[in-house]
Amino acid sequence: MNKNSRIERQKQVEFAVGMAAIDGGKPSVFTKNLLNQYEEGQVSSSQLKQAIVEKYTRAAQ
């Protein structure tokens, strides 16, 4: 992954976390870990979304 991609991913994560904070939300340790993996290019945005959906769908059952 090139430097510009990482910077863009960091900006996306900061924006998403900021938007959640407006509503009083705060990412869990699980979500923070996934966001770090996304920033590093280890997971794609669709993989990140899928992991969050699976985690919290199971938790709600």
PDB file of N, CA and C in Angstrom:
ATOM      1  N   MET A   1       0.856  -1.172   0.000  1.00  0.00           N
ATOM      2  CA  MET A   1       0.000   0.000   0.000  1.00  0.00           C
ATOM      3  C   MET A   1       0.901   1.234   0.000  1.00  0.00           C
ATOM      4  N   ASN A   2       0.531   2.215  -0.804  1.00  0.00           N
ATOM      5  CA  ASN A   2       1.360   3.412  -0.836  1.00  0.00           C
ATOM      6  C   ASN A   2       0.959   4.389   0.266  1.00  0.00           C
ATOM      7  N   LYS A   3       1.819   5.365   0.482  1.00  0.00           N
ATOM      8  CA  LYS A   3       1.630   6.316   1.581  1.00  0.00           C
ATOM      9  C   LYS A   3       0.321   7.089   1.442  1.00  0.00           C
ATOM     10  N   ASN A   4      -0.040   7.486   0.212  1.00  0.00           N
ATOM     11  CA  ASN A   4      -1.265   8.256   0.001  1.00  0.00           C
ATOM     12  C   ASN A   4      -2.504   7.442   0.356  1.00  0.00           C
ATOM     13  N   SER A   5      -2.485   6.146   0.049  1.00  0.00           N
ATOM     14  CA  SER A   5      -3.617   5.291   0.402  1.00  0.00           C
ATOM     15  C   SER A   5      -3.782   5.234   1.910  1.00  0.00           C
ATOM     16  N   ARG A   6      -2.679   5.113   2.618  1.00  0.00           N
ATOM     17  CA  ARG A   6      -2.740   5.042   4.087  1.00  0.00           C
ATOM     18  C   ARG A   6      -3.266   6.339   4.670  1.00  0.00           C
ATOM     19  N   ILE A   7      -2.830   7.452   4.123  1.00  0.00           N
ATOM     20  CA  ILE A   7      -3.306   8.749   4.604  1.00  0.00           C
ATOM     21  C   ILE A   7      -4.803   8.888   4.347  1.00  0.00           C
ATOM     22  N   GLU A   8      -5.260   8.466   3.188  1.00  0.00           N
ATOM     23  CA  GLU A   8      -6.687   8.528   2.879  1.00  0.00           C
ATOM     24  C   GLU A   8      -7.486   7.643   3.831  1.00  0.00           C
ATOM     25  N   ARG A   9      -6.975   6.464   4.104  1.00  0.00           N
ATOM     26  CA  ARG A   9      -7.655   5.565   5.039  1.00  0.00           C
ATOM     27  C   ARG A   9      -7.702   6.172   6.439  1.00  0.00           C
ATOM     28  N   GLN A  10      -6.628   6.800   6.859  1.00  0.00           N
ATOM     29  CA  GLN A  10      -6.602   7.453   8.167  1.00  0.00           C
ATOM     30  C   GLN A  10      -7.657   8.558   8.236  1.00  0.00           C
ATOM     31  N   LYS A  11      -7.764   9.342   7.169  1.00  0.00           N
ATOM     32  CA  LYS A  11      -8.763  10.410   7.124  1.00  0.00           C
ATOM     33  C   LYS A  11     -10.172   9.829   7.200  1.00  0.00           C
ATOM     34  N   GLN A  12     -10.405   8.736   6.502  1.00  0.00           N
ATOM     35  CA  GLN A  12     -11.715   8.094   6.530  1.00  0.00           C
ATOM     36  C   GLN A  12     -12.059   7.607   7.933  1.00  0.00           C
ATOM     37  N   VAL A  13     -11.082   7.010   8.599  1.00  0.00           N
ATOM     38  CA  VAL A  13     -11.304   6.513   9.963  1.00  0.00           C
ATOM     39  C   VAL A  13     -11.572   7.677  10.901  1.00  0.00           C
ATOM     40  N   GLU A  14     -10.781   8.727  10.819  1.00  0.00           N
ATOM     41  CA  GLU A  14     -10.979   9.899  11.676  1.00  0.00           C
ATOM     42  C   GLU A  14     -12.367  10.498  11.462  1.00  0.00           C
ATOM     43  N   PHE A  15     -12.803  10.580  10.212  1.00  0.00           N
ATOM     44  CA  PHE A  15     -14.121  11.120   9.903  1.00  0.00           C
ATOM     45  C   PHE A  15     -15.211  10.246  10.519  1.00  0.00           C
ATOM     46  N   ALA A  16     -15.107   8.935  10.325  1.00  0.00           N
ATOM     47  CA  ALA A  16     -16.128   8.007  10.837  1.00  0.00           C
ATOM     48  C   ALA A  16     -16.201   8.060  12.357  1.00  0.00           C
ATOM     49  N   VAL A  17     -15.057   8.062  13.015  1.00  0.00           N
ATOM     50  CA  VAL A  17     -15.030   8.116  14.482  1.00  0.00           C
ATOM     51  C   VAL A  17     -15.586   9.459  14.958  1.00  0.00           C
ATOM     52  N   GLY A  18     -15.252  10.524  14.255  1.00  0.00           N
ATOM     53  CA  GLY A  18     -15.761  11.842  14.601  1.00  0.00           C
ATOM     54  C   GLY A  18     -17.276  11.927  14.460  1.00  0.00           C
ATOM     55  N   MET A  19     -17.799  11.356  13.390  1.00  0.00           N
ATOM     56  CA  MET A  19     -19.252  11.359  13.186  1.00  0.00           C
ATOM     57  C   MET A  19     -19.953  10.578  14.295  1.00  0.00           C
ATOM     58  N   ALA A  20     -19.383   9.455  14.679  1.00  0.00           N
ATOM     59  CA  ALA A  20     -19.970   8.663  15.764  1.00  0.00           C
ATOM     60  C   ALA A  20     -19.911   9.435  17.082  1.00  0.00           C
ATOM     61  N   ALA A  21     -18.839  10.181  17.288  1.00  0.00           N
ATOM     62  CA  ALA A  21     -18.674  10.941  18.532  1.00  0.00           C
ATOM     63  C   ALA A  21     -19.717  12.044  18.649  1.00  0.00           C
ATOM     64  N   ILE A  22     -20.162  12.580  17.527  1.00  0.00           N
ATOM     65  CA  ILE A  22     -21.193  13.616  17.558  1.00  0.00           C
ATOM     66  C   ILE A  22     -22.446  13.083  18.241  1.00  0.00           C
ATOM     67  N   ASP A  23     -22.742  11.811  17.991  1.00  0.00           N
ATOM     68  CA  ASP A  23     -23.910  11.167  18.610  1.00  0.00           C
ATOM     69  C   ASP A  23     -23.580  10.534  19.955  1.00  0.00           C
ATOM     70  N   GLY A  24     -22.391  10.794  20.460  1.00  0.00           N
ATOM     71  CA  GLY A  24     -22.004  10.254  21.754  1.00  0.00           C
ATOM     72  C   GLY A  24     -21.410   8.857  21.668  1.00  0.00           C
ATOM     73  N   GLY A  25     -21.163   8.377  20.457  1.00  0.00           N
ATOM     74  CA  GLY A  25     -20.614   7.041  20.275  1.00  0.00           C
ATOM     75  C   GLY A  25     -19.106   7.010  20.402  1.00  0.00           C
ATOM     76  N   LYS A  26     -18.609   5.845  20.689  1.00  0.00           N
ATOM     77  CA  LYS A  26     -17.172   5.645  20.857  1.00  0.00           C
ATOM     78  C   LYS A  26     -16.884   4.220  20.391  1.00  0.00           C
ATOM     79  N   PRO A  27     -15.874   4.023  19.530  1.00  0.00           N
ATOM     80  CA  PRO A  27     -15.608   2.668  19.050  1.00  0.00           C
ATOM     81  C   PRO A  27     -15.131   1.740  20.169  1.00  0.00           C
ATOM     82  N   SER A  28     -15.591   0.506  20.093  1.00  0.00           N
ATOM     83  CA  SER A  28     -15.156  -0.510  21.050  1.00  0.00           C
ATOM     84  C   SER A  28     -13.718  -0.902  20.748  1.00  0.00           C
ATOM     85  N   VAL A  29     -13.121  -1.669  21.634  1.00  0.00           N
ATOM     86  CA  VAL A  29     -11.765  -2.184  21.418  1.00  0.00           C
ATOM     87  C   VAL A  29     -11.744  -3.028  20.147  1.00  0.00           C
ATOM     88  N   PHE A  30     -12.769  -3.846  19.955  1.00  0.00           N
ATOM     89  CA  PHE A  30     -12.881  -4.675  18.750  1.00  0.00           C
ATOM     90  C   PHE A  30     -12.880  -3.800  17.495  1.00  0.00           C
ATOM     91  N   THR A  31     -13.696  -2.752  17.508  1.00  0.00           N
ATOM     92  CA  THR A  31     -13.795  -1.874  16.343  1.00  0.00           C
ATOM     93  C   THR A  31     -12.511  -1.088  16.135  1.00  0.00           C
ATOM     94  N   LYS A  32     -11.898  -0.614  17.209  1.00  0.00           N
ATOM     95  CA  LYS A  32     -10.620   0.100  17.085  1.00  0.00           C
ATOM     96  C   LYS A  32      -9.568  -0.784  16.425  1.00  0.00           C
ATOM     97  N   ASN A  33      -9.528  -2.048  16.813  1.00  0.00           N
ATOM     98  CA  ASN A  33      -8.580  -2.988  16.226  1.00  0.00           C
ATOM     99  C   ASN A  33      -8.832  -3.122  14.723  1.00  0.00           C
ATOM    100  N   LEU A  34     -10.091  -3.269  14.349  1.00  0.00           N
ATOM    101  CA  LEU A  34     -10.432  -3.371  12.930  1.00  0.00           C
ATOM    102  C   LEU A  34     -10.066  -2.097  12.171  1.00  0.00           C
ATOM    103  N   LEU A  35     -10.337  -0.952  12.784  1.00  0.00           N
ATOM    104  CA  LEU A  35     -10.004   0.317  12.131  1.00  0.00           C
ATOM    105  C   LEU A  35      -8.500   0.456  11.932  1.00  0.00           C
ATOM    106  N   ASN A  36      -7.723   0.009  12.902  1.00  0.00           N
ATOM    107  CA  ASN A  36      -6.258   0.026  12.750  1.00  0.00           C
ATOM    108  C   ASN A  36      -5.824  -0.884  11.604  1.00  0.00           C
ATOM    109  N   GLN A  37      -6.447  -2.057  11.506  1.00  0.00           N
ATOM    110  CA  GLN A  37      -6.133  -2.972  10.407  1.00  0.00           C
ATOM    111  C   GLN A  37      -6.499  -2.346   9.067  1.00  0.00           C
ATOM    112  N   TYR A  38      -7.622  -1.637   9.030  1.00  0.00           N
ATOM    113  CA  TYR A  38      -8.038  -0.956   7.803  1.00  0.00           C
ATOM    114  C   TYR A  38      -7.022   0.126   7.426  1.00  0.00           C
ATOM    115  N   GLU A  39      -6.614   0.940   8.385  1.00  0.00           N
ATOM    116  CA  GLU A  39      -5.620   1.987   8.130  1.00  0.00           C
ATOM    117  C   GLU A  39      -4.333   1.406   7.554  1.00  0.00           C
ATOM    118  N   GLU A  40      -3.931   0.235   8.052  1.00  0.00           N
ATOM    119  CA  GLU A  40      -2.697  -0.398   7.614  1.00  0.00           C
ATOM    120  C   GLU A  40      -2.845  -1.141   6.282  1.00  0.00           C
ATOM    121  N   GLY A  41      -4.078  -1.212   5.783  1.00  0.00           N
ATOM    122  CA  GLY A  41      -4.311  -1.898   4.516  1.00  0.00           C
ATOM    123  C   GLY A  41      -4.415  -3.402   4.653  1.00  0.00           C
ATOM    124  N   GLN A  42      -4.606  -3.885   5.875  1.00  0.00           N
ATOM    125  CA  GLN A  42      -4.683  -5.323   6.120  1.00  0.00           C
ATOM    126  C   GLN A  42      -6.068  -5.876   5.835  1.00  0.00           C
ATOM    127  N   VAL A  43      -7.090  -5.016   5.905  1.00  0.00           N
ATOM    128  CA  VAL A  43      -8.454  -5.408   5.553  1.00  0.00           C
ATOM    129  C   VAL A  43      -9.052  -4.317   4.675  1.00  0.00           C
ATOM    130  N   SER A  44      -9.980  -4.717   3.820  1.00  0.00           N
ATOM    131  CA  SER A  44     -10.672  -3.755   2.965  1.00  0.00           C
ATOM    132  C   SER A  44     -11.857  -3.170   3.724  1.00  0.00           C
ATOM    133  N   SER A  45     -12.463  -2.151   3.151  1.00  0.00           N
ATOM    134  CA  SER A  45     -13.634  -1.551   3.799  1.00  0.00           C
ATOM    135  C   SER A  45     -14.781  -2.550   3.868  1.00  0.00           C
ATOM    136  N   SER A  46     -14.942  -3.384   2.853  1.00  0.00           N
ATOM    137  CA  SER A  46     -16.023  -4.376   2.894  1.00  0.00           C
ATOM    138  C   SER A  46     -15.743  -5.457   3.941  1.00  0.00           C
ATOM    139  N   GLN A  47     -14.482  -5.837   4.122  1.00  0.00           N
ATOM    140  CA  GLN A  47     -14.129  -6.810   5.156  1.00  0.00           C
ATOM    141  C   GLN A  47     -14.369  -6.220   6.549  1.00  0.00           C
ATOM    142  N   LEU A  48     -14.033  -4.951   6.711  1.00  0.00           N
ATOM    143  CA  LEU A  48     -14.254  -4.271   7.983  1.00  0.00           C
ATOM    144  C   LEU A  48     -15.743  -4.252   8.304  1.00  0.00           C
ATOM    145  N   LYS A  49     -16.544  -3.846   7.345  1.00  0.00           N
ATOM    146  CA  LYS A  49     -17.993  -3.793   7.546  1.00  0.00           C
ATOM    147  C   LYS A  49     -18.553  -5.168   7.877  1.00  0.00           C
ATOM    148  N   GLN A  50     -18.130  -6.185   7.147  1.00  0.00           N
ATOM    149  CA  GLN A  50     -18.625  -7.544   7.364  1.00  0.00           C
ATOM    150  C   GLN A  50     -18.274  -8.036   8.769  1.00  0.00           C
ATOM    151  N   ALA A  51     -17.055  -7.777   9.210  1.00  0.00           N
ATOM    152  CA  ALA A  51     -16.626  -8.216  10.540  1.00  0.00           C
ATOM    153  C   ALA A  51     -17.459  -7.543  11.629  1.00  0.00           C
ATOM    154  N   ILE A  52     -17.747  -6.254  11.467  1.00  0.00           N
ATOM    155  CA  ILE A  52     -18.552  -5.535  12.460  1.00  0.00           C
ATOM    156  C   ILE A  52     -19.979  -6.071  12.468  1.00  0.00           C
ATOM    157  N   VAL A  53     -20.549  -6.268  11.289  1.00  0.00           N
ATOM    158  CA  VAL A  53     -21.915  -6.793  11.200  1.00  0.00           C
ATOM    159  C   VAL A  53     -21.999  -8.164  11.854  1.00  0.00           C
ATOM    160  N   GLU A  54     -21.047  -9.040  11.544  1.00  0.00           N
ATOM    161  CA  GLU A  54     -21.056 -10.388  12.126  1.00  0.00           C
ATOM    162  C   GLU A  54     -20.906 -10.344  13.645  1.00  0.00           C
ATOM    163  N   LYS A  55     -19.998  -9.527  14.136  1.00  0.00           N
ATOM    164  CA  LYS A  55     -19.750  -9.430  15.585  1.00  0.00           C
ATOM    165  C   LYS A  55     -20.999  -8.971  16.327  1.00  0.00           C
ATOM    166  N   TYR A  56     -21.616  -7.912  15.847  1.00  0.00           N
ATOM    167  CA  TYR A  56     -22.728  -7.339  16.595  1.00  0.00           C
ATOM    168  C   TYR A  56     -24.066  -8.002  16.274  1.00  0.00           C
ATOM    169  N   THR A  57     -24.151  -8.723  15.189  1.00  0.00           N
ATOM    170  CA  THR A  57     -25.349  -9.508  14.929  1.00  0.00           C
ATOM    171  C   THR A  57     -25.392 -10.687  15.901  1.00  0.00           C
ATOM    172  N   ARG A  58     -24.249 -11.331  16.088  1.00  0.00           N
ATOM    173  CA  ARG A  58     -24.161 -12.444  17.042  1.00  0.00           C
ATOM    174  C   ARG A  58     -24.406 -11.963  18.465  1.00  0.00           C
ATOM    175  N   ALA A  59     -23.893 -10.796  18.796  1.00  0.00           N
ATOM    176  CA  ALA A  59     -24.035 -10.261  20.154  1.00  0.00           C
ATOM    177  C   ALA A  59     -25.500  -9.938  20.478  1.00  0.00           C
ATOM    178  N   ALA A  60     -26.263  -9.584  19.461  1.00  0.00           N
ATOM    179  CA  ALA A  60     -27.657  -9.198  19.679  1.00  0.00           C
ATOM    180  C   ALA A  60     -28.594 -10.400  19.759  1.00  0.00           C
ATOM    181  N   GLN A  61     -28.121 -11.565  19.384  1.00  0.00           N
ATOM    182  CA  GLN A  61     -28.985 -12.753  19.366  1.00  0.00           C
ATOM    183  C   GLN A  61     -29.063 -13.415  20.710  1.00  0.00           C
TER     184      GLN A  61
END
